[in-house]
Amino acid sequence: MRLEGKTAIVTGAGSGFGAGIARKFAAEGARVIVADLNADAAQDVAREIGGTALSCDVADGGSVAAMVAAAERAGPVGILVNNAGITHLPAPMEEVSEADFDRVFAVNCKSVYLTARALVPLMKGRGAGAILNVASTAGLSPRPRLNWYNASKGWMITATKAMAVELAPFGIRVNAICPVAGETPLLKSFMGEDTPEMRARFLSTIPIGRFSTPEDMGNAAAFLCSDAAAMITGVALEVDGGRSI
């Protein structure tokens, strides 16, 4: 019960890593706001864990502000997990469309700014808070043909460190986790095609020999957002089975 009495927002929590984080937070005693663009998916996870579902477009300032205001009615939000993310399909960098580029940076990067704009003033007023950004090994060890996705996750890691330095005097910690590809709805997009051969090629780059799981992300996130990590801020923790070595 490391998160007992805390209210946490998890974006993109209707599936994949976000759902795993939401489940773990609930098991650790948190009141969880399950935020997702897919309202039905958010409702399904919230019903399962006894949380609150909110529909939110994390790339839209008005939607983010409304989400934070609604979450605050459940209790002062002490934890924010920026998990929502997308990718473009594997392609040479110059062939990725402008629309795909804009969408990747809106969801993966602008969302971090928008949630900070809405929530950081409240956390500052309370003198406490924990923010966790779900980045990727792609931001540490870029992969060909995913250039702009790689860049967006590298941006998120730099943003995490910059936020940590600025917000530490206010009692707010900011960290990131860097998963390798996992059994999530984005896996097929990362690989281009989901075949046994492509999976074997991916797995051969992971020393532990398996993909990241939502449970892996939940365990790491619960630790970094708990008081057990009170002296940890500005880290980009690799939860990747050795992929980044």
C-alpha atoms as a PDB file:
ATOM      1  CA  MET A   1       0.000   0.000   0.000  1.00  0.00           C
ATOM      2  CA  ARG A   2       2.818   2.403  -0.916  1.00  0.00           C
ATOM      3  CA  LEU A   3       0.426   4.827  -2.603  1.00  0.00           C
ATOM      4  CA  GLU A   4      -2.377   4.742  -0.044  1.00  0.00           C
ATOM      5  CA  GLY A   5      -4.246   8.031   0.222  1.00  0.00           C
ATOM      6  CA  LYS A   6      -2.798   9.432  -3.014  1.00  0.00           C
ATOM      7  CA  THR A   7      -4.719  10.413  -6.133  1.00  0.00           C
ATOM      8  CA  ALA A   8      -3.020   9.590  -9.416  1.00  0.00           C
ATOM      9  CA  ILE A   9      -3.777  10.473 -13.024  1.00  0.00           C
ATOM     10  CA  VAL A  10      -2.564   7.939 -15.598  1.00  0.00           C
ATOM     11  CA  THR A  11      -2.997   8.999 -19.229  1.00  0.00           C
ATOM     12  CA  GLY A  12      -3.424   6.434 -21.971  1.00  0.00           C
ATOM     13  CA  ALA A  13      -4.575   4.044 -19.254  1.00  0.00           C
ATOM     14  CA  GLY A  14      -7.235   2.297 -21.286  1.00  0.00           C
ATOM     15  CA  SER A  15      -4.781  -0.305 -22.569  1.00  0.00           C
ATOM     16  CA  GLY A  16      -1.167  -1.471 -22.643  1.00  0.00           C
ATOM     17  CA  PHE A  17       1.423  -0.038 -20.287  1.00  0.00           C
ATOM     18  CA  GLY A  18      -1.001   2.604 -18.983  1.00  0.00           C
ATOM     19  CA  ALA A  19      -3.515  -0.022 -17.923  1.00  0.00           C
ATOM     20  CA  GLY A  20      -0.734  -1.971 -16.192  1.00  0.00           C
ATOM     21  CA  ILE A  21       0.345   1.128 -14.306  1.00  0.00           C
ATOM     22  CA  ALA A  22      -3.243   1.935 -13.331  1.00  0.00           C
ATOM     23  CA  ARG A  23      -3.794  -1.594 -12.011  1.00  0.00           C
ATOM     24  CA  LYS A  24      -0.603  -1.529  -9.949  1.00  0.00           C
ATOM     25  CA  PHE A  25      -1.361   1.917  -8.523  1.00  0.00           C
ATOM     26  CA  ALA A  26      -4.821   0.743  -7.447  1.00  0.00           C
ATOM     27  CA  ALA A  27      -3.304  -2.365  -5.831  1.00  0.00           C
ATOM     28  CA  GLU A  28      -0.928  -0.049  -3.945  1.00  0.00           C
ATOM     29  CA  GLY A  29      -3.851   1.931  -2.531  1.00  0.00           C
ATOM     30  CA  ALA A  30      -4.074   4.930  -4.873  1.00  0.00           C
ATOM     31  CA  ARG A  31      -7.247   6.533  -6.145  1.00  0.00           C
ATOM     32  CA  VAL A  32      -6.649   6.210  -9.881  1.00  0.00           C
ATOM     33  CA  ILE A  33      -7.963   8.496 -12.595  1.00  0.00           C
ATOM     34  CA  VAL A  34      -7.984   6.357 -15.745  1.00  0.00           C
ATOM     35  CA  ALA A  35      -7.646   8.867 -18.584  1.00  0.00           C
ATOM     36  CA  ASP A  36      -7.811   7.841 -22.223  1.00  0.00           C
ATOM     37  CA  LEU A  37      -9.014   9.161 -25.568  1.00  0.00           C
ATOM     38  CA  ASN A  38     -11.030   5.936 -25.817  1.00  0.00           C
ATOM     39  CA  ALA A  39     -13.752   6.516 -23.235  1.00  0.00           C
ATOM     40  CA  ASP A  40     -15.023   2.930 -23.353  1.00  0.00           C
ATOM     41  CA  ALA A  41     -11.550   1.490 -22.751  1.00  0.00           C
ATOM     42  CA  ALA A  42     -11.007   3.884 -19.867  1.00  0.00           C
ATOM     43  CA  GLN A  43     -14.337   2.866 -18.357  1.00  0.00           C
ATOM     44  CA  ASP A  44     -13.491  -0.829 -18.612  1.00  0.00           C
ATOM     45  CA  VAL A  45     -10.183  -0.405 -16.735  1.00  0.00           C
ATOM     46  CA  ALA A  46     -11.708   1.955 -14.175  1.00  0.00           C
ATOM     47  CA  ARG A  47     -14.517  -0.504 -13.462  1.00  0.00           C
ATOM     48  CA  GLU A  48     -11.983  -3.302 -12.992  1.00  0.00           C
ATOM     49  CA  ILE A  49      -9.810  -1.404 -10.486  1.00  0.00           C
ATOM     50  CA  GLY A  50     -12.397   0.767  -8.778  1.00  0.00           C
ATOM     51  CA  GLY A  51     -11.042   3.938 -10.346  1.00  0.00           C
ATOM     52  CA  THR A  52     -12.551   6.907 -12.146  1.00  0.00           C
ATOM     53  CA  ALA A  53     -12.654   7.038 -15.955  1.00  0.00           C
ATOM     54  CA  LEU A  54     -12.134  10.286 -17.830  1.00  0.00           C
ATOM     55  CA  SER A  55     -12.041  10.843 -21.571  1.00  0.00           C
ATOM     56  CA  CYS A  56      -9.153  13.108 -22.534  1.00  0.00           C
ATOM     57  CA  ASP A  57      -7.277  14.209 -25.643  1.00  0.00           C
ATOM     58  CA  VAL A  58      -3.833  14.855 -24.170  1.00  0.00           C
ATOM     59  CA  ALA A  59      -2.829  16.964 -27.179  1.00  0.00           C
ATOM     60  CA  ASP A  60      -5.633  19.483 -26.538  1.00  0.00           C
ATOM     61  CA  GLY A  61      -5.185  22.099 -23.820  1.00  0.00           C
ATOM     62  CA  GLY A  62      -8.868  22.461 -23.042  1.00  0.00           C
ATOM     63  CA  SER A  63      -9.342  18.719 -22.714  1.00  0.00           C
ATOM     64  CA  VAL A  64      -6.316  18.412 -20.411  1.00  0.00           C
ATOM     65  CA  ALA A  65      -7.492  21.286 -18.217  1.00  0.00           C
ATOM     66  CA  ALA A  66     -10.932  19.708 -17.908  1.00  0.00           C
ATOM     67  CA  MET A  67      -9.358  16.343 -17.001  1.00  0.00           C
ATOM     68  CA  VAL A  68      -7.257  17.875 -14.218  1.00  0.00           C
ATOM     69  CA  ALA A  69     -10.221  19.825 -12.853  1.00  0.00           C
ATOM     70  CA  ALA A  70     -12.367  16.678 -12.786  1.00  0.00           C
ATOM     71  CA  ALA A  71      -9.558  14.646 -11.196  1.00  0.00           C
ATOM     72  CA  GLU A  72      -9.096  17.230  -8.454  1.00  0.00           C
ATOM     73  CA  ARG A  73     -12.697  16.685  -7.419  1.00  0.00           C
ATOM     74  CA  ALA A  74     -11.715  13.112  -6.480  1.00  0.00           C
ATOM     75  CA  GLY A  75      -8.893  14.417  -4.293  1.00  0.00           C
ATOM     76  CA  PRO A  76      -5.737  16.522  -4.609  1.00  0.00           C
ATOM     77  CA  VAL A  77      -3.712  14.961  -7.433  1.00  0.00           C
ATOM     78  CA  GLY A  78      -0.298  13.986  -6.111  1.00  0.00           C
ATOM     79  CA  ILE A  79       0.856  11.756  -8.979  1.00  0.00           C
ATOM     80  CA  LEU A  80       0.774  12.276 -12.732  1.00  0.00           C
ATOM     81  CA  VAL A  81       1.842   9.609 -15.221  1.00  0.00           C
ATOM     82  CA  ASN A  82       2.241  10.877 -18.788  1.00  0.00           C
ATOM     83  CA  ASN A  83       1.855   7.528 -20.505  1.00  0.00           C
ATOM     84  CA  ALA A  84      -0.252   8.330 -23.582  1.00  0.00           C
ATOM     85  CA  GLY A  85       1.835   7.947 -26.708  1.00  0.00           C
ATOM     86  CA  ILE A  86       1.778   7.043 -30.386  1.00  0.00           C
ATOM     87  CA  THR A  87       4.221   6.282 -33.165  1.00  0.00           C
ATOM     88  CA  HIS A  88       4.409   6.564 -36.916  1.00  0.00           C
ATOM     89  CA  LEU A  89       4.861   3.432 -39.000  1.00  0.00           C
ATOM     90  CA  PRO A  90       8.449   2.436 -39.829  1.00  0.00           C
ATOM     91  CA  ALA A  91       9.605   4.426 -42.852  1.00  0.00           C
ATOM     92  CA  PRO A  92      12.588   6.400 -44.139  1.00  0.00           C
ATOM     93  CA  MET A  93      12.642   9.679 -42.227  1.00  0.00           C
ATOM     94  CA  GLU A  94      11.941  11.823 -45.288  1.00  0.00           C
ATOM     95  CA  GLU A  95       8.861   9.776 -46.191  1.00  0.00           C
ATOM     96  CA  VAL A  96       6.977  10.247 -42.907  1.00  0.00           C
ATOM     97  CA  SER A  97       4.081  12.594 -43.609  1.00  0.00           C
ATOM     98  CA  GLU A  98       3.855  16.001 -42.014  1.00  0.00           C
ATOM     99  CA  ALA A  99       0.530  14.994 -40.487  1.00  0.00           C
ATOM    100  CA  ASP A 100       2.106  11.937 -38.832  1.00  0.00           C
ATOM    101  CA  PHE A 101       5.029  14.024 -37.583  1.00  0.00           C
ATOM    102  CA  ASP A 102       2.694  16.617 -36.065  1.00  0.00           C
ATOM    103  CA  ARG A 103       0.536  13.933 -34.448  1.00  0.00           C
ATOM    104  CA  VAL A 104       3.532  12.132 -32.867  1.00  0.00           C
ATOM    105  CA  PHE A 105       4.914  15.341 -31.359  1.00  0.00           C
ATOM    106  CA  ALA A 106       1.480  16.552 -30.233  1.00  0.00           C
ATOM    107  CA  VAL A 107       0.713  13.343 -28.327  1.00  0.00           C
ATOM    108  CA  ASN A 108       4.215  12.435 -27.119  1.00  0.00           C
ATOM    109  CA  CYS A 109       5.623  15.904 -26.385  1.00  0.00           C
ATOM    110  CA  LYS A 110       3.022  18.671 -26.295  1.00  0.00           C
ATOM    111  CA  SER A 111       0.972  16.583 -23.874  1.00  0.00           C
ATOM    112  CA  VAL A 112       3.762  16.782 -21.282  1.00  0.00           C
ATOM    113  CA  TYR A 113       3.681  20.574 -21.537  1.00  0.00           C
ATOM    114  CA  LEU A 114      -0.107  20.692 -21.321  1.00  0.00           C
ATOM    115  CA  THR A 115      -0.380  18.440 -18.263  1.00  0.00           C
ATOM    116  CA  ALA A 116       2.412  20.395 -16.552  1.00  0.00           C
ATOM    117  CA  ARG A 117       0.673  23.683 -17.311  1.00  0.00           C
ATOM    118  CA  ALA A 118      -2.534  22.397 -15.752  1.00  0.00           C
ATOM    119  CA  LEU A 119      -1.170  20.488 -12.754  1.00  0.00           C
ATOM    120  CA  VAL A 120       2.220  21.884 -11.724  1.00  0.00           C
ATOM    121  CA  PRO A 121       0.769  25.087 -10.189  1.00  0.00           C
ATOM    122  CA  LEU A 122      -1.427  22.940  -7.938  1.00  0.00           C
ATOM    123  CA  MET A 123       1.500  20.723  -6.936  1.00  0.00           C
ATOM    124  CA  LYS A 124       3.623  23.797  -6.217  1.00  0.00           C
ATOM    125  CA  GLY A 125       0.902  25.117  -3.937  1.00  0.00           C
ATOM    126  CA  ARG A 126       0.984  21.869  -1.965  1.00  0.00           C
ATOM    127  CA  GLY A 127       4.767  21.593  -1.946  1.00  0.00           C
ATOM    128  CA  ALA A 128       4.695  18.008  -3.164  1.00  0.00           C
ATOM    129  CA  GLY A 129       4.107  15.847  -6.204  1.00  0.00           C
ATOM    130  CA  ALA A 130       5.490  13.106  -8.424  1.00  0.00           C
ATOM    131  CA  ILE A 131       5.444  13.185 -12.219  1.00  0.00           C
ATOM    132  CA  LEU A 132       6.423  10.170 -14.301  1.00  0.00           C
ATOM    133  CA  ASN A 133       6.941  10.352 -18.060  1.00  0.00           C
ATOM    134  CA  VAL A 134       6.805   7.101 -20.013  1.00  0.00           C
ATOM    135  CA  ALA A 135       9.614   7.476 -22.532  1.00  0.00           C
ATOM    136  CA  SER A 136      11.268   4.609 -24.418  1.00  0.00           C
ATOM    137  CA  THR A 137      14.548   2.893 -25.151  1.00  0.00           C
ATOM    138  CA  ALA A 138      14.044   4.505 -28.573  1.00  0.00           C
ATOM    139  CA  GLY A 139      15.012   7.794 -26.956  1.00  0.00           C
ATOM    140  CA  LEU A 140      18.287   6.281 -25.748  1.00  0.00           C
ATOM    141  CA  SER A 141      19.199   3.912 -28.570  1.00  0.00           C
ATOM    142  CA  PRO A 142      17.379   5.093 -31.716  1.00  0.00           C
ATOM    143  CA  ARG A 143      16.198   2.567 -34.250  1.00  0.00           C
ATOM    144  CA  PRO A 144      16.283   3.149 -38.025  1.00  0.00           C
ATOM    145  CA  ARG A 145      13.007   4.032 -39.750  1.00  0.00           C
ATOM    146  CA  LEU A 146      11.406   5.272 -36.527  1.00  0.00           C
ATOM    147  CA  ASN A 147      13.307   8.548 -36.615  1.00  0.00           C
ATOM    148  CA  TRP A 148      10.675  11.035 -35.475  1.00  0.00           C
ATOM    149  CA  TYR A 149       9.260   8.681 -32.836  1.00  0.00           C
ATOM    150  CA  ASN A 150      12.820   8.231 -31.519  1.00  0.00           C
ATOM    151  CA  ALA A 151      13.232  12.002 -31.426  1.00  0.00           C
ATOM    152  CA  SER A 152       9.965  12.519 -29.545  1.00  0.00           C
ATOM    153  CA  LYS A 153      11.037  10.086 -26.825  1.00  0.00           C
ATOM    154  CA  GLY A 154      14.487  11.682 -26.620  1.00  0.00           C
ATOM    155  CA  TRP A 155      12.670  14.997 -26.137  1.00  0.00           C
ATOM    156  CA  MET A 156      10.670  13.456 -23.315  1.00  0.00           C
ATOM    157  CA  ILE A 157      13.852  12.310 -21.520  1.00  0.00           C
ATOM    158  CA  THR A 158      15.404  15.782 -21.786  1.00  0.00           C
ATOM    159  CA  ALA A 159      12.138  17.365 -20.651  1.00  0.00           C
ATOM    160  CA  THR A 160      12.088  15.027 -17.643  1.00  0.00           C
ATOM    161  CA  LYS A 161      15.552  16.166 -16.530  1.00  0.00           C
ATOM    162  CA  ALA A 162      14.754  19.835 -17.127  1.00  0.00           C
ATOM    163  CA  MET A 163      11.497  19.577 -15.191  1.00  0.00           C
ATOM    164  CA  ALA A 164      13.246  17.746 -12.341  1.00  0.00           C
ATOM    165  CA  VAL A 165      15.838  20.504 -11.903  1.00  0.00           C
ATOM    166  CA  GLU A 166      13.274  23.307 -11.993  1.00  0.00           C
ATOM    167  CA  LEU A 167      10.658  21.663  -9.786  1.00  0.00           C
ATOM    168  CA  ALA A 168      12.867  20.087  -7.105  1.00  0.00           C
ATOM    169  CA  PRO A 169      12.821  23.233  -4.912  1.00  0.00           C
ATOM    170  CA  PHE A 170       9.022  22.963  -4.824  1.00  0.00           C
ATOM    171  CA  GLY A 171       9.035  19.369  -3.571  1.00  0.00           C
ATOM    172  CA  ILE A 172       8.054  17.912  -6.933  1.00  0.00           C
ATOM    173  CA  ARG A 173       9.969  14.938  -8.335  1.00  0.00           C
ATOM    174  CA  VAL A 174      10.024  14.136 -12.058  1.00  0.00           C
ATOM    175  CA  ASN A 175      11.296  10.857 -13.496  1.00  0.00           C
ATOM    176  CA  ALA A 176      10.925   8.753 -16.630  1.00  0.00           C
ATOM    177  CA  ILE A 177      10.826   5.072 -17.427  1.00  0.00           C
ATOM    178  CA  CYS A 178      12.170   3.674 -20.687  1.00  0.00           C
ATOM    179  CA  PRO A 179      10.513   0.410 -21.716  1.00  0.00           C
ATOM    180  CA  VAL A 180      11.490  -1.681 -24.679  1.00  0.00           C
ATOM    181  CA  ALA A 181       8.737  -2.790 -27.061  1.00  0.00           C
ATOM    182  CA  GLY A 182       5.979  -4.685 -25.280  1.00  0.00           C
ATOM    183  CA  GLU A 183       2.749  -6.566 -25.796  1.00  0.00           C
ATOM    184  CA  THR A 184       0.706  -3.416 -26.348  1.00  0.00           C
ATOM    185  CA  PRO A 185      -1.445  -2.054 -29.194  1.00  0.00           C
ATOM    186  CA  LEU A 186       1.653  -0.201 -30.513  1.00  0.00           C
ATOM    187  CA  LEU A 187       3.785  -3.318 -31.007  1.00  0.00           C
ATOM    188  CA  LYS A 188       2.624  -3.960 -34.581  1.00  0.00           C
ATOM    189  CA  SER A 189       3.274  -0.316 -35.466  1.00  0.00           C
ATOM    190  CA  PHE A 190       6.841  -0.514 -34.144  1.00  0.00           C
ATOM    191  CA  MET A 191       7.612  -3.664 -36.085  1.00  0.00           C
ATOM    192  CA  GLY A 192       5.743  -2.736 -39.253  1.00  0.00           C
ATOM    193  CA  GLU A 193       4.247  -6.230 -39.314  1.00  0.00           C
ATOM    194  CA  ASP A 194       3.566  -8.735 -36.552  1.00  0.00           C
ATOM    195  CA  THR A 195       5.092 -12.003 -37.731  1.00  0.00           C
ATOM    196  CA  PRO A 196       7.040 -14.720 -35.890  1.00  0.00           C
ATOM    197  CA  GLU A 197      10.145 -13.719 -37.842  1.00  0.00           C
ATOM    198  CA  MET A 198       9.843 -10.045 -36.910  1.00  0.00           C
ATOM    199  CA  ARG A 199       9.194 -10.897 -33.268  1.00  0.00           C
ATOM    200  CA  ALA A 200      12.271 -13.146 -33.201  1.00  0.00           C
ATOM    201  CA  ARG A 201      14.373 -10.333 -34.662  1.00  0.00           C
ATOM    202  CA  PHE A 202      13.148  -7.917 -31.978  1.00  0.00           C
ATOM    203  CA  LEU A 203      13.623 -10.401 -29.153  1.00  0.00           C
ATOM    204  CA  SER A 204      17.194 -11.128 -30.245  1.00  0.00           C
ATOM    205  CA  THR A 205      18.123  -7.562 -29.210  1.00  0.00           C
ATOM    206  CA  ILE A 206      16.785  -7.980 -25.645  1.00  0.00           C
ATOM    207  CA  PRO A 207      19.244  -9.889 -23.397  1.00  0.00           C
ATOM    208  CA  ILE A 208      16.525 -11.082 -20.992  1.00  0.00           C
ATOM    209  CA  GLY A 209      14.743 -12.506 -24.017  1.00  0.00           C
ATOM    210  CA  ARG A 210      11.222 -11.153 -23.717  1.00  0.00           C
ATOM    211  CA  PHE A 211       9.188  -8.012 -24.344  1.00  0.00           C
ATOM    212  CA  SER A 212       8.311  -5.517 -21.629  1.00  0.00           C
ATOM    213  CA  THR A 213       4.953  -6.174 -19.985  1.00  0.00           C
ATOM    214  CA  PRO A 214       2.376  -3.813 -18.452  1.00  0.00           C
ATOM    215  CA  GLU A 215       3.208  -5.436 -15.092  1.00  0.00           C
ATOM    216  CA  ASP A 216       6.886  -4.493 -15.508  1.00  0.00           C
ATOM    217  CA  MET A 217       5.907  -0.883 -16.097  1.00  0.00           C
ATOM    218  CA  GLY A 218       3.477  -0.884 -13.181  1.00  0.00           C
ATOM    219  CA  ASN A 219       6.122  -2.144 -10.770  1.00  0.00           C
ATOM    220  CA  ALA A 220       8.695   0.447 -11.851  1.00  0.00           C
ATOM    221  CA  ALA A 221       6.154   3.271 -11.882  1.00  0.00           C
ATOM    222  CA  ALA A 222       4.806   2.450  -8.422  1.00  0.00           C
ATOM    223  CA  PHE A 223       8.311   2.577  -6.957  1.00  0.00           C
ATOM    224  CA  LEU A 224       9.312   5.859  -8.615  1.00  0.00           C
ATOM    225  CA  CYS A 225       6.046   7.554  -7.629  1.00  0.00           C
ATOM    226  CA  SER A 226       6.156   6.330  -4.029  1.00  0.00           C
ATOM    227  CA  ASP A 227       7.865   7.832  -0.997  1.00  0.00           C
ATOM    228  CA  ALA A 228      10.400   4.988  -1.225  1.00  0.00           C
ATOM    229  CA  ALA A 229      11.939   6.958  -4.124  1.00  0.00           C
ATOM    230  CA  ALA A 230      11.977  10.275  -2.253  1.00  0.00           C
ATOM    231  CA  MET A 231      15.608  10.974  -3.193  1.00  0.00           C
ATOM    232  CA  ILE A 232      15.219  10.025  -6.860  1.00  0.00           C
ATOM    233  CA  THR A 233      14.481  12.689  -9.450  1.00  0.00           C
ATOM    234  CA  GLY A 234      15.551  13.344 -13.019  1.00  0.00           C
ATOM    235  CA  VAL A 235      16.302   9.715 -13.881  1.00  0.00           C
ATOM    236  CA  ALA A 236      15.326   7.867 -17.053  1.00  0.00           C
ATOM    237  CA  LEU A 237      15.076   4.328 -15.721  1.00  0.00           C
ATOM    238  CA  GLU A 238      15.631   1.614 -18.325  1.00  0.00           C
ATOM    239  CA  VAL A 239      13.014  -1.111 -17.839  1.00  0.00           C
ATOM    240  CA  ASP A 240      14.126  -2.962 -20.916  1.00  0.00           C
ATOM    241  CA  GLY A 241      15.689  -6.337 -20.091  1.00  0.00           C
ATOM    242  CA  GLY A 242      19.119  -5.010 -21.018  1.00  0.00           C
ATOM    243  CA  ARG A 243      18.160  -3.684 -24.476  1.00  0.00           C
ATOM    244  CA  SER A 244      20.048  -0.404 -23.943  1.00  0.00           C
ATOM    245  CA  ILE A 245      23.350  -1.962 -22.847  1.00  0.00           C
END
